[in-house]
Amino acid sequence: MSQTRRNDHNLMKVLLGPVISEKATMVAEKNEQVVFQVDRAANKSDVKQAVELLFKVQVDSVQIVNQKGKPKRYGRFEGRRDHVKKAYVNLKPGQEINFEAEAN
């Protein structure tokens, strides 16, 4: 197996899914960015290569955010939500990711 095929296989595991929230929608409209939840071990170059491979678009820049899990209580039990790593992907002008068309 060649090095590029092994790399492509690892890149498929970097993106866990898009973040669909009110803030992500506002960011998408205002700054033309797409927000993804990514693997906690991923870095900016991994995210850029994964988005370009999966969606066939050109990425301009990537910003990474580590979001700590919120502490929660369930009755007398204390717990914590999982930590999450998000990537804000800025696409080059004229590029667009359409999730409805990708699902079909």
N, C-alpha and C. Protein backbone atom coordinates (compact mmCIF):
# COMPACT_ATOMS: atom_id res chain seq x y z
N MET A 1 0.85 -1.18 0.00
CA MET A 1 0.00 0.00 0.00
C MET A 1 0.89 1.24 0.00
N SER A 2 0.60 2.18 -0.86
CA SER A 2 1.45 3.36 -0.98
C SER A 2 1.19 4.34 0.17
N GLN A 3 2.12 5.29 0.33
CA GLN A 3 2.02 6.27 1.40
C GLN A 3 0.79 7.16 1.22
N THR A 4 0.46 7.55 -0.02
CA THR A 4 -0.68 8.44 -0.23
C THR A 4 -1.98 7.74 0.11
N ARG A 5 -2.10 6.46 -0.20
CA ARG A 5 -3.33 5.74 0.12
C ARG A 5 -3.51 5.60 1.63
N ARG A 6 -2.41 5.37 2.36
CA ARG A 6 -2.49 5.30 3.81
C ARG A 6 -2.88 6.66 4.39
N ASN A 7 -2.32 7.72 3.82
CA ASN A 7 -2.65 9.07 4.26
C ASN A 7 -4.11 9.38 4.02
N ASP A 8 -4.63 9.03 2.83
CA ASP A 8 -6.03 9.30 2.52
C ASP A 8 -6.95 8.57 3.49
N HIS A 9 -6.58 7.36 3.85
CA HIS A 9 -7.40 6.59 4.80
C HIS A 9 -7.43 7.28 6.16
N ASN A 10 -6.30 7.81 6.61
CA ASN A 10 -6.27 8.52 7.89
C ASN A 10 -7.03 9.83 7.82
N LEU A 11 -6.99 10.51 6.67
CA LEU A 11 -7.70 11.78 6.53
C LEU A 11 -9.21 11.60 6.58
N MET A 12 -9.70 10.42 6.21
CA MET A 12 -11.14 10.17 6.26
C MET A 12 -11.65 10.16 7.70
N LYS A 13 -10.77 9.95 8.66
CA LYS A 13 -11.17 9.89 10.07
C LYS A 13 -11.05 11.23 10.78
N VAL A 14 -10.54 12.25 10.10
CA VAL A 14 -10.30 13.54 10.75
C VAL A 14 -11.61 14.28 10.99
N LEU A 15 -12.47 14.38 9.99
CA LEU A 15 -13.73 15.10 10.12
C LEU A 15 -14.78 14.18 10.72
N LEU A 16 -15.35 14.59 11.85
CA LEU A 16 -16.39 13.80 12.50
C LEU A 16 -17.78 14.22 12.04
N GLY A 17 -17.94 15.47 11.63
CA GLY A 17 -19.23 15.93 11.13
C GLY A 17 -19.32 17.44 11.17
N PRO A 18 -20.29 17.98 10.45
CA PRO A 18 -20.48 19.44 10.50
C PRO A 18 -21.18 19.84 11.79
N VAL A 19 -20.92 21.06 12.23
CA VAL A 19 -21.59 21.60 13.40
C VAL A 19 -22.78 22.42 12.90
N ILE A 20 -23.97 21.99 13.28
CA ILE A 20 -25.19 22.68 12.87
C ILE A 20 -25.75 23.37 14.11
N SER A 21 -25.53 24.67 14.18
CA SER A 21 -26.02 25.47 15.30
C SER A 21 -26.30 26.87 14.80
N GLU A 22 -26.90 27.67 15.66
CA GLU A 22 -27.22 29.05 15.29
C GLU A 22 -25.93 29.85 15.05
N LYS A 23 -24.94 29.65 15.91
CA LYS A 23 -23.66 30.36 15.75
C LYS A 23 -22.96 29.93 14.47
N ALA A 24 -22.95 28.63 14.18
CA ALA A 24 -22.30 28.13 12.96
C ALA A 24 -22.98 28.69 11.72
N THR A 25 -24.29 28.82 11.74
CA THR A 25 -25.02 29.39 10.61
C THR A 25 -24.68 30.85 10.42
N MET A 26 -24.60 31.61 11.52
CA MET A 26 -24.25 33.03 11.43
C MET A 26 -22.83 33.20 10.89
N VAL A 27 -21.89 32.36 11.33
CA VAL A 27 -20.51 32.42 10.86
C VAL A 27 -20.46 32.09 9.38
N ALA A 28 -21.25 31.10 8.95
CA ALA A 28 -21.26 30.70 7.54
C ALA A 28 -21.76 31.84 6.66
N GLU A 29 -22.77 32.55 7.09
CA GLU A 29 -23.32 33.65 6.29
C GLU A 29 -22.41 34.87 6.29
N LYS A 30 -21.87 35.21 7.46
CA LYS A 30 -21.09 36.44 7.59
C LYS A 30 -19.67 36.30 7.05
N ASN A 31 -18.96 35.24 7.43
CA ASN A 31 -17.54 35.10 7.11
C ASN A 31 -17.25 34.05 6.03
N GLU A 32 -18.31 33.43 5.50
CA GLU A 32 -18.16 32.37 4.50
C GLU A 32 -17.24 31.26 5.00
N GLN A 33 -17.54 30.79 6.21
CA GLN A 33 -16.79 29.70 6.83
C GLN A 33 -17.73 28.53 7.08
N VAL A 34 -17.15 27.34 7.17
CA VAL A 34 -17.90 26.14 7.50
C VAL A 34 -17.28 25.57 8.78
N VAL A 35 -18.12 25.12 9.71
CA VAL A 35 -17.64 24.62 11.00
C VAL A 35 -17.79 23.10 11.03
N PHE A 36 -16.70 22.41 11.39
CA PHE A 36 -16.69 20.96 11.50
C PHE A 36 -16.24 20.56 12.89
N GLN A 37 -16.79 19.46 13.39
CA GLN A 37 -16.23 18.83 14.58
C GLN A 37 -15.17 17.86 14.09
N VAL A 38 -13.97 17.95 14.67
CA VAL A 38 -12.84 17.17 14.17
C VAL A 38 -12.27 16.30 15.29
N ASP A 39 -11.44 15.35 14.89
CA ASP A 39 -10.75 14.47 15.83
C ASP A 39 -9.84 15.31 16.72
N ARG A 40 -9.74 14.93 18.00
CA ARG A 40 -8.96 15.74 18.95
C ARG A 40 -7.47 15.72 18.66
N ALA A 41 -6.99 14.76 17.88
CA ALA A 41 -5.57 14.69 17.55
C ALA A 41 -5.25 15.40 16.23
N ALA A 42 -6.25 15.95 15.55
CA ALA A 42 -6.05 16.58 14.25
C ALA A 42 -5.43 17.96 14.39
N ASN A 43 -4.66 18.37 13.37
CA ASN A 43 -4.12 19.72 13.33
C ASN A 43 -4.66 20.44 12.09
N LYS A 44 -4.24 21.69 11.89
CA LYS A 44 -4.79 22.50 10.81
C LYS A 44 -4.53 21.89 9.43
N SER A 45 -3.33 21.40 9.22
CA SER A 45 -3.02 20.84 7.90
C SER A 45 -3.82 19.57 7.63
N ASP A 46 -4.05 18.75 8.66
CA ASP A 46 -4.88 17.56 8.49
C ASP A 46 -6.31 17.93 8.09
N VAL A 47 -6.86 18.94 8.76
CA VAL A 47 -8.23 19.38 8.46
C VAL A 47 -8.32 19.93 7.04
N LYS A 48 -7.34 20.73 6.66
CA LYS A 48 -7.34 21.31 5.31
C LYS A 48 -7.30 20.22 4.25
N GLN A 49 -6.41 19.24 4.42
CA GLN A 49 -6.30 18.16 3.44
C GLN A 49 -7.56 17.31 3.41
N ALA A 50 -8.18 17.06 4.57
CA ALA A 50 -9.39 16.24 4.62
C ALA A 50 -10.55 16.92 3.92
N VAL A 51 -10.74 18.23 4.15
CA VAL A 51 -11.84 18.96 3.51
C VAL A 51 -11.63 19.00 2.00
N GLU A 52 -10.40 19.25 1.56
CA GLU A 52 -10.13 19.29 0.12
C GLU A 52 -10.33 17.92 -0.51
N LEU A 53 -9.99 16.85 0.19
CA LEU A 53 -10.16 15.50 -0.35
C LEU A 53 -11.63 15.10 -0.42
N LEU A 54 -12.38 15.34 0.65
CA LEU A 54 -13.76 14.88 0.70
C LEU A 54 -14.73 15.72 -0.12
N PHE A 55 -14.58 17.04 -0.11
CA PHE A 55 -15.56 17.91 -0.74
C PHE A 55 -15.09 18.53 -2.05
N LYS A 56 -13.85 18.26 -2.47
CA LYS A 56 -13.31 18.76 -3.74
C LYS A 56 -13.43 20.29 -3.85
N VAL A 57 -13.03 20.98 -2.78
CA VAL A 57 -13.01 22.44 -2.75
C VAL A 57 -11.61 22.89 -2.36
N GLN A 58 -11.33 24.19 -2.53
CA GLN A 58 -10.05 24.75 -2.14
C GLN A 58 -10.23 25.52 -0.83
N VAL A 59 -9.37 25.22 0.14
CA VAL A 59 -9.45 25.82 1.47
C VAL A 59 -8.45 26.96 1.55
N ASP A 60 -8.90 28.11 2.06
CA ASP A 60 -8.03 29.27 2.23
C ASP A 60 -7.31 29.20 3.57
N SER A 61 -8.06 28.99 4.67
CA SER A 61 -7.44 28.92 5.99
C SER A 61 -8.30 28.09 6.93
N VAL A 62 -7.70 27.69 8.05
CA VAL A 62 -8.38 26.88 9.07
C VAL A 62 -8.05 27.45 10.44
N GLN A 63 -9.08 27.62 11.28
CA GLN A 63 -8.88 28.00 12.67
C GLN A 63 -9.41 26.85 13.53
N ILE A 64 -8.66 26.50 14.58
CA ILE A 64 -9.01 25.39 15.46
C ILE A 64 -9.42 25.93 16.84
N VAL A 65 -10.49 25.35 17.40
CA VAL A 65 -10.96 25.73 18.73
C VAL A 65 -11.09 24.47 19.57
N ASN A 66 -10.47 24.45 20.75
CA ASN A 66 -10.65 23.38 21.71
C ASN A 66 -11.70 23.82 22.72
N GLN A 67 -12.83 23.13 22.74
CA GLN A 67 -13.92 23.49 23.64
C GLN A 67 -13.97 22.48 24.78
N LYS A 68 -13.80 22.96 26.00
CA LYS A 68 -13.83 22.08 27.16
C LYS A 68 -15.27 21.68 27.46
N GLY A 69 -15.43 20.43 27.92
CA GLY A 69 -16.76 19.92 28.26
C GLY A 69 -17.31 20.59 29.50
N LYS A 70 -18.60 20.83 29.50
CA LYS A 70 -19.24 21.48 30.63
C LYS A 70 -19.50 20.48 31.76
N PRO A 71 -19.28 20.89 33.02
CA PRO A 71 -19.63 19.99 34.12
C PRO A 71 -21.16 19.92 34.26
N LYS A 72 -21.67 18.72 34.46
CA LYS A 72 -23.11 18.51 34.58
C LYS A 72 -23.39 17.64 35.80
N ARG A 73 -24.61 17.79 36.33
CA ARG A 73 -25.05 16.97 37.46
C ARG A 73 -26.29 16.21 37.04
N TYR A 74 -26.33 14.96 37.43
CA TYR A 74 -27.51 14.12 37.23
C TYR A 74 -27.94 13.64 38.61
N GLY A 75 -28.82 14.40 39.23
CA GLY A 75 -29.21 14.09 40.61
C GLY A 75 -28.03 14.30 41.53
N ARG A 76 -27.61 13.25 42.21
CA ARG A 76 -26.47 13.38 43.12
C ARG A 76 -25.15 13.03 42.44
N PHE A 77 -25.18 12.67 41.18
CA PHE A 77 -23.97 12.28 40.45
C PHE A 77 -23.44 13.45 39.64
N GLU A 78 -22.13 13.65 39.73
CA GLU A 78 -21.49 14.70 38.96
C GLU A 78 -20.76 14.08 37.78
N GLY A 79 -20.79 14.78 36.67
CA GLY A 79 -20.10 14.29 35.48
C GLY A 79 -19.63 15.45 34.64
N ARG A 80 -19.12 15.14 33.48
CA ARG A 80 -18.63 16.17 32.58
C ARG A 80 -18.91 15.71 31.16
N ARG A 81 -19.32 16.65 30.31
CA ARG A 81 -19.48 16.35 28.89
C ARG A 81 -18.09 16.20 28.27
N ASP A 82 -18.01 15.52 27.15
CA ASP A 82 -16.74 15.32 26.47
C ASP A 82 -16.18 16.63 25.94
N HIS A 83 -14.86 16.73 25.90
CA HIS A 83 -14.21 17.86 25.26
C HIS A 83 -14.38 17.72 23.76
N VAL A 84 -14.46 18.85 23.06
CA VAL A 84 -14.72 18.85 21.62
C VAL A 84 -13.71 19.76 20.93
N LYS A 85 -13.25 19.35 19.77
CA LYS A 85 -12.36 20.18 18.95
C LYS A 85 -13.13 20.55 17.69
N LYS A 86 -13.19 21.85 17.40
CA LYS A 86 -13.91 22.34 16.23
C LYS A 86 -12.93 23.02 15.29
N ALA A 87 -13.25 22.97 14.00
CA ALA A 87 -12.43 23.63 12.99
C ALA A 87 -13.32 24.57 12.19
N TYR A 88 -12.91 25.83 12.13
CA TYR A 88 -13.59 26.83 11.31
C TYR A 88 -12.80 26.91 10.01
N VAL A 89 -13.40 26.44 8.91
CA VAL A 89 -12.73 26.32 7.62
C VAL A 89 -13.19 27.47 6.73
N ASN A 90 -12.23 28.29 6.30
CA ASN A 90 -12.51 29.40 5.40
C ASN A 90 -12.18 28.95 3.98
N LEU A 91 -13.19 28.96 3.10
CA LEU A 91 -13.00 28.52 1.72
C LEU A 91 -12.55 29.68 0.86
N LYS A 92 -11.87 29.36 -0.24
CA LYS A 92 -11.45 30.39 -1.19
C LYS A 92 -12.68 30.96 -1.88
N PRO A 93 -12.60 32.21 -2.38
CA PRO A 93 -13.76 32.83 -3.03
C PRO A 93 -14.28 31.98 -4.19
N GLY A 94 -15.61 31.87 -4.25
CA GLY A 94 -16.24 31.08 -5.30
C GLY A 94 -16.44 29.63 -4.93
N GLN A 95 -15.89 29.17 -3.80
CA GLN A 95 -16.02 27.78 -3.36
C GLN A 95 -17.20 27.67 -2.40
N GLU A 96 -17.87 26.52 -2.41
CA GLU A 96 -19.02 26.32 -1.54
C GLU A 96 -19.19 24.84 -1.25
N ILE A 97 -19.60 24.53 -0.02
CA ILE A 97 -19.93 23.16 0.35
C ILE A 97 -21.43 23.10 0.58
N ASN A 98 -22.12 22.26 -0.20
CA ASN A 98 -23.56 22.11 -0.07
C ASN A 98 -23.82 20.74 0.55
N PHE A 99 -24.23 20.73 1.83
CA PHE A 99 -24.40 19.47 2.55
C PHE A 99 -25.63 18.70 2.06
N GLU A 100 -26.67 19.39 1.56
CA GLU A 100 -27.84 18.68 1.07
C GLU A 100 -27.51 17.88 -0.18
N ALA A 101 -26.70 18.44 -1.07
CA ALA A 101 -26.32 17.73 -2.29
C ALA A 101 -25.35 16.60 -1.98
N GLU A 102 -24.49 16.76 -0.96
CA GLU A 102 -23.51 15.73 -0.60
C GLU A 102 -24.21 14.51 0.00
N ALA A 103 -25.36 14.70 0.65
CA ALA A 103 -26.06 13.60 1.30
C ALA A 103 -26.71 12.67 0.29
N ASN A 104 -27.09 13.18 -0.87
CA ASN A 104 -27.77 12.35 -1.88
C ASN A 104 -26.83 11.49 -2.65
